N, C-alpha and C. Protein backbone atom coordinates (compact mmCIF):
# COMPACT_ATOMS: atom_id res chain seq x y z
N PRO A 1 -36.38 -52.50 2.88
CA PRO A 1 -36.58 -53.50 3.77
C PRO A 1 -35.78 -53.31 4.96
N GLY A 2 -36.34 -54.01 6.01
CA GLY A 2 -35.69 -53.94 7.36
C GLY A 2 -34.17 -54.11 7.32
N ASN A 3 -33.67 -55.10 6.56
CA ASN A 3 -32.25 -55.55 6.61
C ASN A 3 -31.37 -54.36 6.02
N TYR A 4 -31.91 -53.48 5.35
CA TYR A 4 -31.10 -52.36 4.83
C TYR A 4 -30.69 -51.21 5.90
N TYR A 5 -31.78 -51.19 7.00
CA TYR A 5 -31.64 -50.16 8.07
C TYR A 5 -30.33 -50.25 8.64
N THR A 6 -29.64 -51.55 8.69
CA THR A 6 -28.56 -51.64 9.55
C THR A 6 -27.41 -50.95 8.98
N GLY A 7 -27.38 -50.49 7.62
CA GLY A 7 -26.36 -49.72 7.05
C GLY A 7 -26.63 -48.34 7.13
N GLU A 8 -27.75 -47.85 7.68
CA GLU A 8 -28.19 -46.35 7.79
C GLU A 8 -27.05 -45.49 8.36
N ASN A 9 -26.53 -45.96 9.38
CA ASN A 9 -25.44 -45.13 10.08
C ASN A 9 -24.17 -45.22 9.26
N ALA A 10 -24.03 -46.18 8.61
CA ALA A 10 -22.69 -46.38 7.79
C ALA A 10 -22.69 -45.39 6.54
N MET A 11 -23.95 -45.31 6.02
CA MET A 11 -24.32 -44.39 4.95
C MET A 11 -24.15 -42.99 5.36
N ILE A 12 -24.64 -42.66 6.54
CA ILE A 12 -24.36 -41.31 7.06
C ILE A 12 -22.87 -40.91 7.13
N ILE A 13 -22.14 -41.84 7.85
CA ILE A 13 -20.78 -41.61 8.02
C ILE A 13 -20.07 -41.44 6.74
N ILE A 14 -20.40 -42.28 5.78
CA ILE A 14 -19.59 -42.07 4.36
C ILE A 14 -20.03 -40.90 3.68
N SER A 15 -21.29 -40.55 3.94
CA SER A 15 -21.74 -39.42 3.33
C SER A 15 -21.10 -38.12 3.78
N ILE A 16 -21.00 -38.10 5.16
CA ILE A 16 -20.13 -36.78 5.79
C ILE A 16 -18.70 -36.97 5.22
N SER A 17 -17.92 -38.07 5.22
CA SER A 17 -16.64 -37.98 4.62
C SER A 17 -16.45 -37.54 3.29
N ALA A 18 -17.55 -38.05 2.44
CA ALA A 18 -17.67 -37.63 0.93
C ALA A 18 -17.89 -35.99 0.82
N PHE A 19 -18.85 -35.64 1.78
CA PHE A 19 -19.14 -34.15 1.68
C PHE A 19 -17.72 -33.28 2.14
N PHE A 20 -16.99 -33.81 3.04
CA PHE A 20 -15.76 -32.99 3.26
C PHE A 20 -14.63 -33.29 2.25
N ASN A 21 -14.74 -34.30 1.70
CA ASN A 21 -13.86 -34.46 0.38
C ASN A 21 -14.35 -33.52 -0.60
N MET A 22 -15.49 -33.31 -0.91
CA MET A 22 -15.98 -32.37 -2.03
C MET A 22 -15.70 -30.98 -1.48
N ALA A 23 -15.84 -30.66 -0.18
CA ALA A 23 -15.55 -29.32 0.31
C ALA A 23 -14.19 -28.85 0.16
N THR A 24 -13.21 -29.85 0.30
CA THR A 24 -11.88 -29.41 0.18
C THR A 24 -11.38 -29.14 -1.17
N GLY A 25 -12.43 -29.27 -2.12
CA GLY A 25 -12.08 -28.78 -3.60
C GLY A 25 -11.00 -29.67 -4.35
N MET A 26 -10.32 -28.79 -4.85
CA MET A 26 -9.08 -29.38 -5.91
C MET A 26 -7.94 -29.58 -5.45
N ASN A 27 -7.79 -30.01 -3.98
CA ASN A 27 -6.57 -30.27 -3.41
C ASN A 27 -5.81 -31.32 -4.04
N SER A 28 -6.14 -32.31 -4.53
CA SER A 28 -5.34 -33.45 -5.08
C SER A 28 -4.66 -32.88 -6.40
N PRO A 29 -5.42 -32.35 -7.26
CA PRO A 29 -4.78 -31.81 -8.51
C PRO A 29 -3.77 -30.68 -8.17
N ILE A 30 -3.97 -29.80 -7.31
CA ILE A 30 -3.04 -28.76 -7.00
C ILE A 30 -1.77 -29.37 -6.43
N ILE A 31 -1.85 -30.56 -5.47
CA ILE A 31 -0.82 -31.09 -4.84
C ILE A 31 0.07 -31.77 -6.02
N TYR A 32 -0.73 -32.87 -6.68
CA TYR A 32 0.05 -33.75 -7.60
C TYR A 32 0.57 -33.16 -8.92
N TYR A 33 -0.06 -31.93 -9.28
CA TYR A 33 0.63 -31.24 -10.52
C TYR A 33 1.57 -30.14 -10.05
N SER A 34 1.91 -30.08 -8.73
CA SER A 34 2.90 -29.07 -8.31
C SER A 34 4.18 -29.66 -7.83
N ASP A 35 5.06 -28.87 -7.30
CA ASP A 35 6.31 -29.53 -6.75
C ASP A 35 6.04 -30.12 -5.40
N LYS A 36 4.80 -30.16 -4.91
CA LYS A 36 4.34 -30.89 -3.55
C LYS A 36 3.99 -32.37 -3.87
N TYR A 37 4.06 -32.81 -5.14
CA TYR A 37 3.60 -34.18 -5.42
C TYR A 37 4.31 -35.38 -4.46
N LYS A 38 5.64 -35.18 -4.00
CA LYS A 38 6.36 -36.15 -3.05
C LYS A 38 5.38 -36.14 -1.83
N GLN A 39 5.14 -35.10 -1.25
CA GLN A 39 4.35 -35.05 0.03
C GLN A 39 2.92 -35.66 -0.17
N GLY A 40 2.40 -35.32 -1.31
CA GLY A 40 0.97 -36.01 -1.72
C GLY A 40 1.29 -37.38 -1.71
N SER A 41 2.20 -38.05 -2.34
CA SER A 41 2.46 -39.34 -2.33
C SER A 41 2.58 -40.02 -1.11
N PHE A 42 3.39 -39.41 -0.14
CA PHE A 42 3.66 -39.90 1.20
C PHE A 42 2.15 -39.83 1.99
N ILE A 43 1.46 -38.90 1.83
CA ILE A 43 0.21 -38.97 2.59
C ILE A 43 -0.86 -39.86 1.98
N LEU A 44 -0.70 -40.02 0.80
CA LEU A 44 -1.53 -41.13 0.13
C LEU A 44 -1.12 -42.59 0.63
N ILE A 45 0.17 -42.84 0.72
CA ILE A 45 0.72 -44.15 1.25
C ILE A 45 0.22 -44.19 2.70
N GLY A 46 0.28 -43.09 3.38
CA GLY A 46 -0.21 -43.06 4.85
C GLY A 46 -1.57 -43.41 5.01
N LEU A 47 -2.42 -42.86 4.04
CA LEU A 47 -3.88 -43.11 3.95
C LEU A 47 -4.10 -44.49 3.69
N ILE A 48 -3.39 -45.30 2.85
CA ILE A 48 -3.63 -46.68 2.75
C ILE A 48 -3.43 -47.43 3.85
N ALA A 49 -2.17 -47.09 4.62
CA ALA A 49 -1.74 -47.83 5.78
C ALA A 49 -2.84 -47.65 6.88
N PHE A 50 -3.19 -46.43 7.14
CA PHE A 50 -4.14 -46.01 8.13
C PHE A 50 -5.46 -46.67 7.94
N SER A 51 -5.85 -46.56 6.78
CA SER A 51 -7.19 -47.23 6.35
C SER A 51 -7.07 -48.65 6.64
N ILE A 52 -6.04 -49.40 6.25
CA ILE A 52 -6.00 -50.89 6.51
C ILE A 52 -5.93 -51.20 8.09
N LEU A 53 -5.19 -50.52 8.85
CA LEU A 53 -5.29 -50.56 10.26
C LEU A 53 -6.44 -50.37 10.91
N LEU A 54 -7.13 -49.25 10.42
CA LEU A 54 -8.54 -49.01 11.14
C LEU A 54 -9.54 -49.95 10.84
N ASN A 55 -9.45 -50.50 9.59
CA ASN A 55 -10.49 -51.51 9.23
C ASN A 55 -10.16 -52.81 9.99
N VAL A 56 -8.91 -53.20 10.22
CA VAL A 56 -8.55 -54.46 10.93
C VAL A 56 -9.02 -54.28 12.32
N LEU A 57 -8.84 -53.02 13.01
CA LEU A 57 -9.32 -52.79 14.28
C LEU A 57 -10.76 -52.70 14.50
N LEU A 58 -11.51 -52.03 13.42
CA LEU A 58 -12.70 -51.61 13.82
C LEU A 58 -13.85 -52.50 13.09
N ILE A 59 -13.52 -53.21 12.08
CA ILE A 59 -14.63 -54.12 11.41
C ILE A 59 -14.92 -55.30 12.36
N PRO A 60 -14.03 -55.93 13.00
CA PRO A 60 -14.51 -57.15 13.95
C PRO A 60 -15.41 -56.56 15.18
N ARG A 61 -15.03 -55.31 15.64
CA ARG A 61 -15.87 -54.75 16.65
C ARG A 61 -17.18 -54.32 16.28
N LEU A 62 -17.24 -53.48 15.22
CA LEU A 62 -18.33 -52.67 14.91
C LEU A 62 -18.96 -52.97 13.50
N GLY A 63 -18.46 -53.84 12.81
CA GLY A 63 -19.09 -54.44 11.51
C GLY A 63 -19.03 -53.32 10.58
N ILE A 64 -20.18 -53.23 9.74
CA ILE A 64 -19.99 -52.30 8.76
C ILE A 64 -20.02 -50.85 9.20
N GLU A 65 -20.54 -50.54 10.31
CA GLU A 65 -20.19 -49.10 10.95
C GLU A 65 -18.71 -48.91 11.25
N GLY A 66 -18.12 -49.93 11.68
CA GLY A 66 -16.66 -49.91 11.71
C GLY A 66 -15.89 -49.74 10.45
N ALA A 67 -16.33 -50.31 9.43
CA ALA A 67 -15.66 -49.97 7.95
C ALA A 67 -15.97 -48.43 7.75
N ALA A 68 -17.25 -48.01 7.83
CA ALA A 68 -17.59 -46.81 7.55
C ALA A 68 -16.79 -45.67 8.42
N ILE A 69 -16.64 -46.07 9.57
CA ILE A 69 -15.69 -45.00 10.54
C ILE A 69 -14.17 -45.03 10.08
N ALA A 70 -13.73 -46.21 9.58
CA ALA A 70 -12.45 -46.54 9.24
C ALA A 70 -12.14 -45.54 7.88
N THR A 71 -13.24 -45.72 6.95
CA THR A 71 -12.99 -45.07 5.81
C THR A 71 -13.15 -43.55 6.00
N GLY A 72 -14.20 -43.17 6.61
CA GLY A 72 -14.37 -41.81 6.85
C GLY A 72 -13.35 -41.09 7.56
N ALA A 73 -12.77 -41.75 8.71
CA ALA A 73 -11.61 -41.09 9.37
C ALA A 73 -10.40 -40.97 8.56
N SER A 74 -10.14 -41.87 7.64
CA SER A 74 -9.23 -41.95 6.74
C SER A 74 -9.25 -40.82 5.78
N LEU A 75 -10.40 -40.81 5.25
CA LEU A 75 -10.44 -39.72 4.16
C LEU A 75 -10.43 -38.35 4.84
N PHE A 76 -11.01 -38.21 6.04
CA PHE A 76 -10.91 -36.86 6.64
C PHE A 76 -9.56 -36.35 7.00
N ILE A 77 -8.79 -37.44 7.49
CA ILE A 77 -7.44 -36.97 7.75
C ILE A 77 -6.54 -36.68 6.51
N PHE A 78 -6.71 -37.64 5.54
CA PHE A 78 -6.29 -37.44 4.15
C PHE A 78 -6.52 -36.10 3.54
N ASN A 79 -7.76 -35.66 3.60
CA ASN A 79 -8.03 -34.28 3.14
C ASN A 79 -7.68 -33.13 4.02
N PHE A 80 -7.64 -33.39 5.21
CA PHE A 80 -7.11 -32.42 6.12
C PHE A 80 -5.62 -32.05 5.88
N LEU A 81 -4.91 -33.17 5.78
CA LEU A 81 -3.56 -33.00 5.33
C LEU A 81 -3.15 -32.44 4.01
N LYS A 82 -3.92 -32.84 3.20
CA LYS A 82 -3.75 -32.08 1.72
C LYS A 82 -4.07 -30.48 1.85
N THR A 83 -4.98 -30.25 2.61
CA THR A 83 -5.29 -28.80 2.88
C THR A 83 -4.34 -27.96 3.61
N MET A 84 -3.75 -28.71 4.55
CA MET A 84 -2.66 -28.04 5.28
C MET A 84 -1.47 -27.98 4.29
N ILE A 85 -1.09 -29.01 3.39
CA ILE A 85 0.00 -28.80 2.59
C ILE A 85 -0.17 -27.52 1.76
N ILE A 86 -1.41 -27.50 1.21
CA ILE A 86 -1.62 -26.44 0.24
C ILE A 86 -1.64 -24.91 0.97
N TYR A 87 -2.06 -25.02 2.11
CA TYR A 87 -2.17 -23.73 2.76
C TYR A 87 -0.73 -23.28 3.16
N LYS A 88 0.00 -24.25 3.67
CA LYS A 88 1.53 -23.93 4.01
C LYS A 88 2.23 -23.41 2.91
N ALA A 89 2.05 -24.14 1.80
CA ALA A 89 2.99 -23.99 0.56
C ALA A 89 2.35 -22.71 -0.27
N TYR A 90 1.03 -22.48 -0.29
CA TYR A 90 0.45 -21.51 -1.22
C TYR A 90 -0.37 -20.42 -0.64
N GLN A 91 -0.81 -20.52 0.78
CA GLN A 91 -1.52 -19.77 1.46
C GLN A 91 -2.96 -19.87 0.75
N LEU A 92 -3.39 -20.92 0.33
CA LEU A 92 -4.80 -21.22 -0.20
C LEU A 92 -5.26 -22.08 0.66
N GLN A 93 -6.65 -21.93 0.82
CA GLN A 93 -7.62 -22.89 1.49
C GLN A 93 -8.95 -22.80 0.93
N PRO A 94 -9.77 -23.87 0.99
CA PRO A 94 -11.08 -23.88 0.14
C PRO A 94 -12.38 -23.38 0.99
N PHE A 95 -11.97 -22.97 2.17
CA PHE A 95 -13.10 -22.55 2.92
C PHE A 95 -13.23 -21.03 3.19
N GLY A 96 -14.43 -20.50 3.02
CA GLY A 96 -14.67 -18.96 3.26
C GLY A 96 -15.83 -18.74 4.17
N LYS A 97 -16.16 -17.63 4.18
CA LYS A 97 -17.39 -17.24 5.27
C LYS A 97 -18.73 -17.94 4.65
N TYR A 98 -18.77 -18.36 3.49
CA TYR A 98 -19.96 -18.92 3.01
C TYR A 98 -20.20 -20.37 3.57
N VAL A 99 -19.14 -20.89 4.11
CA VAL A 99 -19.30 -22.32 4.63
C VAL A 99 -20.48 -22.39 5.67
N LEU A 100 -20.39 -21.49 6.57
CA LEU A 100 -21.46 -21.48 7.72
C LEU A 100 -22.72 -21.47 7.12
N ILE A 101 -22.85 -20.45 6.07
CA ILE A 101 -24.38 -20.43 5.60
C ILE A 101 -24.68 -21.56 4.81
N VAL A 102 -23.78 -22.16 4.07
CA VAL A 102 -24.15 -23.61 3.44
C VAL A 102 -24.47 -24.61 4.52
N LEU A 103 -23.72 -24.75 5.47
CA LEU A 103 -23.97 -25.76 6.62
C LEU A 103 -25.62 -25.49 7.28
N LEU A 104 -25.65 -24.18 7.67
CA LEU A 104 -27.18 -23.77 7.88
C LEU A 104 -28.13 -24.24 7.03
N LEU A 105 -27.89 -23.88 5.84
CA LEU A 105 -29.00 -24.18 4.86
C LEU A 105 -29.10 -25.85 4.79
N MET A 106 -28.05 -26.44 4.84
CA MET A 106 -28.02 -27.94 4.77
C MET A 106 -28.90 -28.45 6.01
N GLY A 107 -28.65 -27.86 7.29
CA GLY A 107 -29.48 -28.30 8.40
C GLY A 107 -30.97 -28.01 8.23
N ILE A 108 -31.23 -26.83 7.71
CA ILE A 108 -32.55 -26.16 7.40
C ILE A 108 -33.35 -27.43 6.55
N CYS A 109 -32.46 -27.80 5.29
CA CYS A 109 -33.04 -28.72 4.47
C CYS A 109 -33.18 -30.04 5.17
N ILE A 110 -32.37 -30.46 5.77
CA ILE A 110 -32.50 -31.78 6.55
C ILE A 110 -33.62 -31.93 7.49
N THR A 111 -33.78 -30.77 8.20
CA THR A 111 -35.03 -30.56 9.10
C THR A 111 -36.30 -30.67 8.41
N ILE A 112 -36.36 -29.87 7.20
CA ILE A 112 -37.64 -29.75 6.49
C ILE A 112 -37.86 -31.29 5.99
N ASN A 113 -36.98 -31.97 5.37
CA ASN A 113 -37.12 -33.33 4.86
C ASN A 113 -37.63 -34.20 5.82
N TYR A 114 -37.17 -33.91 7.18
CA TYR A 114 -37.46 -34.97 8.18
C TYR A 114 -39.08 -34.57 8.63
N PHE A 115 -39.50 -33.53 8.43
CA PHE A 115 -41.03 -33.14 8.77
C PHE A 115 -41.94 -33.25 7.57
N LEU A 116 -41.33 -33.41 6.50
CA LEU A 116 -42.23 -33.47 5.22
C LEU A 116 -43.06 -34.97 5.36
N PRO A 117 -44.29 -34.81 5.04
CA PRO A 117 -45.04 -36.07 5.10
C PRO A 117 -44.53 -37.13 3.95
N GLN A 118 -44.72 -38.35 4.33
CA GLN A 118 -44.41 -39.40 3.35
C GLN A 118 -45.63 -39.63 2.44
N VAL A 119 -45.05 -39.94 1.10
CA VAL A 119 -45.98 -40.24 0.17
C VAL A 119 -45.79 -41.83 -0.09
N GLU A 120 -46.94 -42.61 -0.19
CA GLU A 120 -46.78 -44.15 -0.39
C GLU A 120 -45.93 -44.39 -1.51
N ASN A 121 -46.22 -43.81 -2.71
CA ASN A 121 -45.55 -43.99 -3.79
C ASN A 121 -44.11 -43.42 -3.84
N LYS A 122 -43.05 -44.43 -3.80
CA LYS A 122 -41.69 -43.92 -3.34
C LYS A 122 -41.17 -42.89 -4.38
N ILE A 123 -41.48 -43.22 -5.77
CA ILE A 123 -40.98 -42.25 -6.78
C ILE A 123 -41.53 -40.93 -6.66
N LEU A 124 -42.88 -40.79 -6.38
CA LEU A 124 -43.51 -39.49 -6.03
C LEU A 124 -42.92 -38.96 -4.68
N ASP A 125 -42.65 -39.71 -3.82
CA ASP A 125 -42.03 -39.12 -2.72
C ASP A 125 -40.74 -38.56 -2.92
N ILE A 126 -39.86 -39.33 -3.58
CA ILE A 126 -38.44 -38.75 -3.74
C ILE A 126 -38.58 -37.57 -4.68
N THR A 127 -39.54 -37.49 -5.68
CA THR A 127 -39.65 -36.38 -6.59
C THR A 127 -40.24 -35.19 -5.78
N TYR A 128 -41.20 -35.29 -5.01
CA TYR A 128 -41.66 -33.97 -4.35
C TYR A 128 -40.55 -33.49 -3.24
N ARG A 129 -40.09 -34.49 -2.50
CA ARG A 129 -38.95 -34.14 -1.62
C ARG A 129 -37.81 -33.42 -2.25
N SER A 130 -37.47 -33.85 -3.43
CA SER A 130 -36.26 -33.28 -4.21
C SER A 130 -36.70 -31.88 -4.66
N ILE A 131 -37.92 -31.70 -5.04
CA ILE A 131 -38.39 -30.54 -5.34
C ILE A 131 -38.30 -29.44 -4.39
N VAL A 132 -39.07 -29.87 -3.40
CA VAL A 132 -39.11 -28.90 -1.89
C VAL A 132 -37.76 -28.56 -1.66
N ILE A 133 -36.92 -29.52 -1.29
CA ILE A 133 -35.46 -29.39 -0.82
C ILE A 133 -34.75 -28.39 -1.81
N SER A 134 -34.86 -28.68 -3.07
CA SER A 134 -34.16 -27.80 -4.10
C SER A 134 -34.51 -26.45 -3.96
N LEU A 135 -35.83 -26.10 -3.93
CA LEU A 135 -36.37 -24.91 -3.84
C LEU A 135 -35.95 -24.16 -2.63
N VAL A 136 -35.87 -24.85 -1.32
CA VAL A 136 -35.65 -24.08 -0.26
C VAL A 136 -34.09 -23.89 -0.34
N TYR A 137 -33.19 -24.73 -0.73
CA TYR A 137 -31.84 -24.65 -0.80
C TYR A 137 -31.40 -23.49 -1.77
N SER A 138 -32.10 -23.37 -2.97
CA SER A 138 -31.83 -22.45 -3.97
C SER A 138 -32.13 -21.13 -3.48
N ALA A 139 -33.28 -21.16 -2.84
CA ALA A 139 -33.85 -19.66 -2.19
C ALA A 139 -32.87 -19.34 -1.27
N GLY A 140 -32.31 -20.11 -0.30
CA GLY A 140 -31.38 -19.74 0.64
C GLY A 140 -29.96 -19.23 0.10
N ILE A 141 -29.66 -19.90 -1.01
CA ILE A 141 -28.46 -19.43 -1.73
C ILE A 141 -28.69 -18.04 -2.33
N TYR A 142 -29.84 -17.99 -2.98
CA TYR A 142 -30.15 -16.73 -3.67
C TYR A 142 -30.27 -15.61 -2.67
N LEU A 143 -30.88 -15.66 -1.51
CA LEU A 143 -31.33 -14.75 -0.57
C LEU A 143 -29.96 -14.46 0.19
N SER A 144 -29.04 -15.24 0.36
CA SER A 144 -27.80 -15.04 1.17
C SER A 144 -26.84 -14.37 0.19
N LYS A 145 -27.06 -14.54 -1.14
CA LYS A 145 -26.00 -13.89 -2.03
C LYS A 145 -24.53 -14.41 -1.83
N ILE A 146 -24.45 -15.57 -1.43
CA ILE A 146 -23.19 -16.24 -1.53
C ILE A 146 -22.46 -16.66 -2.75
N ALA A 147 -23.35 -16.68 -3.76
CA ALA A 147 -22.94 -17.17 -5.14
C ALA A 147 -23.37 -16.11 -6.02
N GLU A 148 -22.53 -14.84 -5.78
CA GLU A 148 -23.03 -13.73 -6.59
C GLU A 148 -22.38 -14.06 -8.06
N GLU A 149 -21.31 -14.44 -8.32
CA GLU A 149 -20.89 -14.70 -9.77
C GLU A 149 -21.91 -15.55 -10.56
N GLU A 150 -22.28 -16.72 -9.80
CA GLU A 150 -23.39 -17.45 -10.52
C GLU A 150 -24.59 -16.87 -10.79
N LEU A 151 -24.95 -16.13 -9.83
CA LEU A 151 -26.27 -15.36 -9.88
C LEU A 151 -26.15 -14.25 -11.18
N ASP A 152 -25.15 -13.59 -11.12
CA ASP A 152 -24.88 -12.49 -12.18
C ASP A 152 -24.85 -13.19 -13.59
N PHE A 153 -24.27 -14.60 -13.78
CA PHE A 153 -24.09 -15.27 -14.95
C PHE A 153 -25.74 -15.69 -15.30
N LEU A 154 -26.38 -16.01 -14.38
CA LEU A 154 -27.77 -16.54 -14.64
C LEU A 154 -28.59 -15.28 -15.16
N LYS A 155 -28.33 -14.18 -14.51
CA LYS A 155 -29.18 -12.86 -14.93
C LYS A 155 -28.91 -12.59 -16.31
N SER A 156 -27.50 -12.66 -16.63
CA SER A 156 -27.02 -12.30 -17.91
C SER A 156 -27.69 -13.26 -18.98
N LEU A 157 -27.85 -14.59 -18.85
CA LEU A 157 -28.56 -15.42 -19.61
C LEU A 157 -30.04 -14.82 -19.97
N PHE A 158 -30.79 -14.53 -19.09
CA PHE A 158 -31.96 -14.08 -19.14
C PHE A 158 -32.18 -12.68 -19.58
N ASN A 159 -31.18 -11.89 -19.46
CA ASN A 159 -31.27 -10.68 -19.93
C ASN A 159 -31.03 -10.45 -21.59
N HIS A 160 -30.46 -11.34 -22.23
CA HIS A 160 -30.05 -11.40 -23.61
C HIS A 160 -31.19 -11.87 -24.49
């Protein structure tokens, strides 16, 4: 319904911040189960304070989008700081050359989804879009060979 469209931008903002959270991998367990747990605790407290401040400033001006921006910005900074702690302490970081390929594949999938014709039945629409996008994304991963270990594992399953 039309009244749900007001939250579309908020959903996109939150989705991007959730994607960055997933992309930074296992930062929290690495920090909280290491000798860097105090630094992790300080940035967690900072996250809470920063999030409250941004919500107080942005919600009155921007409404639901302000809340999404506050949440997204807070999570981005929190994950960025955790990534920097881990990189400085252990010379580890979650990003490799594959990130650009994955971002390109995501862009291709979003574009394809935009141009796919809509089916009146929403369940059929979701089903066929999911199948098309999954096939395109999987083919891109396979052809780019960025997940060689996973592909080798799948091949070993079928060769036995």
